Amino acid sequence: FFSPGFQVAPETKAVMKWLRSIPFVLSASLHGGELVVTYPYDYSRHPMEEKMFSPTPDEKMFKMLAKAYADAHPVISDRSELRCGGNFVKRGGIINGAEWYSFTGGMADFNYLHTNCFEVTVEVGCEKFPLEEELFTIWHENRDALLNYMEMVHRGIKGIVSDKFGNPIKNARISVRGIQHDVTTGT
């Protein structure tokens, strides 16, 4: 997952351990500097390619999740190409991460590859480091989109995998025909 020789910081190791210990299913990483929602993979399948579309086996689901956020955001859903994030208008305010720019070691890729969690990255505003007085506006622009995104946790298949006595089965592998990405049950 990480490049050879890459040193993993203690706090990164702690987050990785935490993510593996709790069966999260949905997550969003909030960044600044643009108005777009990106989804995995963030790292190109071909490391020499800077902007190469790199879909996961769950491409349709990730696009649906990203669109749920983008469509509920008042500025991202604005069709004006003259605003920050305007170059993503024709894409509906979303893009595959590696197609935008490829990088290794991202949380969205880690979550998808090593946990049951689907994560998108939300670029919440045009300023990389917004001023304190801008935070209130940014919060209000993103609040409904965040709530809409969180409601997506209720989509898909959910339930309990149990043995013939009704006891939950830990680490049971769940496969969906046509999608080459299994998930496992929690405790």
Protein backbone atom coordinates (compact mmCIF):
# COMPACT_ATOMS: atom_id res chain seq x y z
CA PHE A 1 0.00 0.00 0.00
CA PHE A 2 2.80 2.42 0.87
CA SER A 3 5.89 3.03 -1.27
CA PRO A 4 9.05 1.11 -0.34
CA GLY A 5 10.98 2.88 2.40
CA PHE A 6 7.91 4.92 3.39
CA GLN A 7 7.82 5.54 7.14
CA VAL A 8 4.35 5.33 8.66
CA ALA A 9 3.83 7.93 11.39
CA PRO A 10 2.63 6.66 14.81
CA GLU A 11 -0.67 8.54 14.50
CA THR A 12 -1.25 6.97 11.07
CA LYS A 13 -0.60 3.51 12.51
CA ALA A 14 -3.07 4.28 15.31
CA VAL A 15 -5.79 5.33 12.82
CA MET A 16 -5.15 2.21 10.72
CA LYS A 17 -5.51 0.01 13.81
CA TRP A 18 -8.68 1.87 14.84
CA LEU A 19 -10.23 1.46 11.38
CA ARG A 20 -9.53 -2.28 11.43
CA SER A 21 -11.02 -2.67 14.92
CA ILE A 22 -14.39 -0.97 14.29
CA PRO A 23 -16.59 -2.05 11.36
CA PHE A 24 -17.13 1.36 9.77
CA VAL A 25 -18.92 1.22 6.42
CA LEU A 26 -18.95 4.86 5.28
CA SER A 27 -16.50 7.70 5.70
CA ALA A 28 -15.56 11.07 4.24
CA SER A 29 -12.28 12.92 4.42
CA LEU A 30 -12.70 16.70 4.35
CA HIS A 31 -10.08 18.83 2.57
CA GLY A 32 -9.90 22.39 1.33
CA GLY A 33 -8.69 24.04 -1.84
CA GLU A 34 -11.29 23.00 -4.41
CA LEU A 35 -14.97 22.12 -4.76
CA VAL A 36 -15.23 18.51 -5.86
CA VAL A 37 -15.85 15.04 -4.42
CA THR A 38 -13.28 12.38 -5.30
CA TYR A 39 -13.54 8.62 -4.90
CA PRO A 40 -11.10 5.67 -5.06
CA TYR A 41 -8.79 4.72 -6.32
CA ASP A 42 -6.60 7.74 -5.58
CA TYR A 43 -3.48 5.89 -6.67
CA SER A 44 -3.19 5.07 -10.36
CA ARG A 45 -2.87 1.42 -11.31
CA HIS A 46 0.03 2.57 -13.45
CA PRO A 47 2.31 4.68 -11.19
CA MET A 48 3.89 6.42 -14.18
CA GLU A 49 0.50 7.83 -15.21
CA GLU A 50 -0.34 11.13 -13.51
CA LYS A 51 -4.02 11.43 -14.40
CA MET A 52 -5.31 7.97 -15.15
CA PHE A 53 -8.83 6.75 -14.39
CA SER A 54 -8.44 3.94 -11.83
CA PRO A 55 -11.82 2.51 -10.86
CA THR A 56 -12.45 0.09 -8.02
CA PRO A 57 -14.67 -2.96 -8.54
CA ASP A 58 -17.32 -0.87 -6.74
CA GLU A 59 -17.13 2.06 -9.20
CA LYS A 60 -20.92 2.41 -9.49
CA MET A 61 -21.36 2.57 -5.72
CA PHE A 62 -18.58 5.12 -5.29
CA LYS A 63 -20.04 7.32 -8.03
CA MET A 64 -23.44 7.13 -6.33
CA LEU A 65 -21.92 8.09 -2.97
CA ALA A 66 -19.94 10.99 -4.45
CA LYS A 67 -23.01 12.22 -6.35
CA ALA A 68 -25.11 12.08 -3.18
CA TYR A 69 -22.75 14.63 -1.65
CA ALA A 70 -22.18 16.76 -4.75
CA ASP A 71 -25.87 17.01 -5.68
CA ALA A 72 -26.80 18.23 -2.19
CA HIS A 73 -24.05 20.89 -2.08
CA PRO A 74 -25.35 24.28 -3.26
CA VAL A 75 -22.11 25.36 -4.96
CA ILE A 76 -20.85 22.01 -6.28
CA SER A 77 -24.25 21.43 -7.87
CA ASP A 78 -24.20 24.95 -9.39
CA ARG A 79 -23.71 24.55 -13.17
CA SER A 80 -21.51 27.66 -13.52
CA GLU A 81 -18.06 26.92 -14.91
CA LEU A 82 -16.87 30.38 -13.81
CA ARG A 83 -16.67 29.49 -10.12
CA CYS A 84 -14.13 27.58 -8.05
CA GLY A 85 -14.52 23.94 -9.02
CA GLY A 86 -16.06 24.96 -12.34
CA ASN A 87 -13.77 22.61 -14.24
CA PHE A 88 -15.65 19.70 -12.61
CA VAL A 89 -19.14 20.90 -13.66
CA LYS A 90 -19.31 18.64 -16.73
CA ARG A 91 -18.44 15.69 -14.44
CA GLY A 92 -21.25 16.53 -11.99
CA GLY A 93 -18.82 17.76 -9.33
CA ILE A 94 -17.17 14.36 -8.87
CA ILE A 95 -14.06 12.62 -10.19
CA ASN A 96 -12.08 9.44 -9.70
CA GLY A 97 -9.18 10.49 -7.47
CA ALA A 98 -6.37 9.10 -9.63
CA GLU A 99 -7.90 10.72 -12.69
CA TRP A 100 -7.59 14.11 -10.97
CA TYR A 101 -4.12 13.41 -9.57
CA SER A 102 -2.56 10.17 -8.40
CA PHE A 103 -1.01 9.75 -4.96
CA THR A 104 -0.12 6.83 -2.74
CA GLY A 105 -1.09 6.22 0.87
CA GLY A 106 -4.53 7.85 0.88
CA MET A 107 -7.17 6.98 3.47
CA ALA A 108 -9.89 6.27 0.90
CA ASP A 109 -7.74 3.62 -0.82
CA PHE A 110 -6.64 2.17 2.53
CA ASN A 111 -10.23 1.91 3.77
CA TYR A 112 -11.41 0.24 0.57
CA LEU A 113 -8.54 -2.23 0.40
CA HIS A 114 -8.13 -3.08 4.08
CA THR A 115 -11.50 -2.50 5.78
CA ASN A 116 -15.20 -2.64 4.88
CA CYS A 117 -15.40 1.15 4.73
CA PHE A 118 -16.19 3.15 1.60
CA GLU A 119 -14.65 6.62 1.79
CA VAL A 120 -14.81 9.64 -0.47
CA THR A 121 -12.72 12.78 -0.24
CA VAL A 122 -14.63 16.03 -0.15
CA GLU A 123 -12.90 19.24 -1.14
CA VAL A 124 -15.16 21.53 0.90
CA GLY A 125 -14.11 24.95 -0.31
CA CYS A 126 -11.97 27.00 -2.64
CA GLU A 127 -9.46 28.09 -0.02
CA LYS A 128 -6.85 25.58 1.11
CA PHE A 129 -6.58 27.39 4.44
CA PRO A 130 -9.80 29.39 4.92
CA LEU A 131 -9.92 32.30 7.30
CA GLU A 132 -11.82 31.86 10.55
CA GLU A 133 -14.62 34.13 9.37
CA GLU A 134 -15.15 31.90 6.30
CA LEU A 135 -15.72 28.72 8.33
CA PHE A 136 -19.35 29.49 9.17
CA THR A 137 -20.24 29.83 5.48
CA ILE A 138 -18.28 26.70 4.56
CA TRP A 139 -20.09 24.75 7.27
CA HIS A 140 -23.50 25.87 5.98
CA GLU A 141 -22.57 25.06 2.38
CA ASN A 142 -21.55 21.54 3.40
CA ARG A 143 -24.01 20.68 6.20
CA ASP A 144 -26.89 19.33 4.09
CA ALA A 145 -24.49 17.55 1.76
CA LEU A 146 -22.86 15.83 4.74
CA LEU A 147 -26.25 14.77 6.08
CA ASN A 148 -27.32 13.49 2.66
CA TYR A 149 -24.06 11.56 2.38
CA MET A 150 -24.45 10.05 5.87
CA GLU A 151 -27.93 8.83 4.96
CA MET A 152 -26.33 6.74 2.21
CA VAL A 153 -25.24 4.31 4.95
CA HIS A 154 -28.75 2.86 4.68
CA ARG A 155 -28.28 1.88 1.02
CA GLY A 156 -27.28 -1.61 -0.02
CA ILE A 157 -27.47 -4.92 1.74
CA LYS A 158 -27.26 -5.16 5.51
CA GLY A 159 -27.96 -7.79 8.06
CA ILE A 160 -26.42 -10.36 10.37
CA VAL A 161 -24.62 -13.47 9.22
CA SER A 162 -25.35 -16.19 11.75
CA ASP A 163 -24.93 -19.90 12.22
CA LYS A 164 -27.88 -22.33 12.47
CA PHE A 165 -28.26 -21.42 16.18
CA GLY A 166 -28.52 -17.67 15.49
CA ASN A 167 -25.01 -16.87 16.71
CA PRO A 168 -23.24 -14.14 14.73
CA ILE A 169 -20.31 -15.34 12.62
CA LYS A 170 -17.23 -13.14 12.87
CA ASN A 171 -15.06 -12.62 9.76
CA ALA A 172 -17.50 -14.33 7.38
CA ARG A 173 -16.70 -13.35 3.80
CA ILE A 174 -19.53 -11.75 1.84
CA SER A 175 -19.28 -11.84 -1.96
CA VAL A 176 -21.47 -10.17 -4.54
CA ARG A 177 -21.55 -11.77 -7.97
CA GLY A 178 -19.93 -9.48 -10.53
CA ILE A 179 -17.99 -7.39 -7.99
CA GLN A 180 -14.49 -8.61 -7.22
CA HIS A 181 -14.30 -7.05 -3.75
CA ASP A 182 -15.46 -9.00 -0.73
CA VAL A 183 -16.33 -7.63 2.70
CA THR A 184 -16.20 -9.44 6.02
CA THR A 185 -18.57 -9.45 8.95
CA GLY A 186 -17.70 -7.79 12.23
CA THR A 187 -18.35 -9.20 15.68
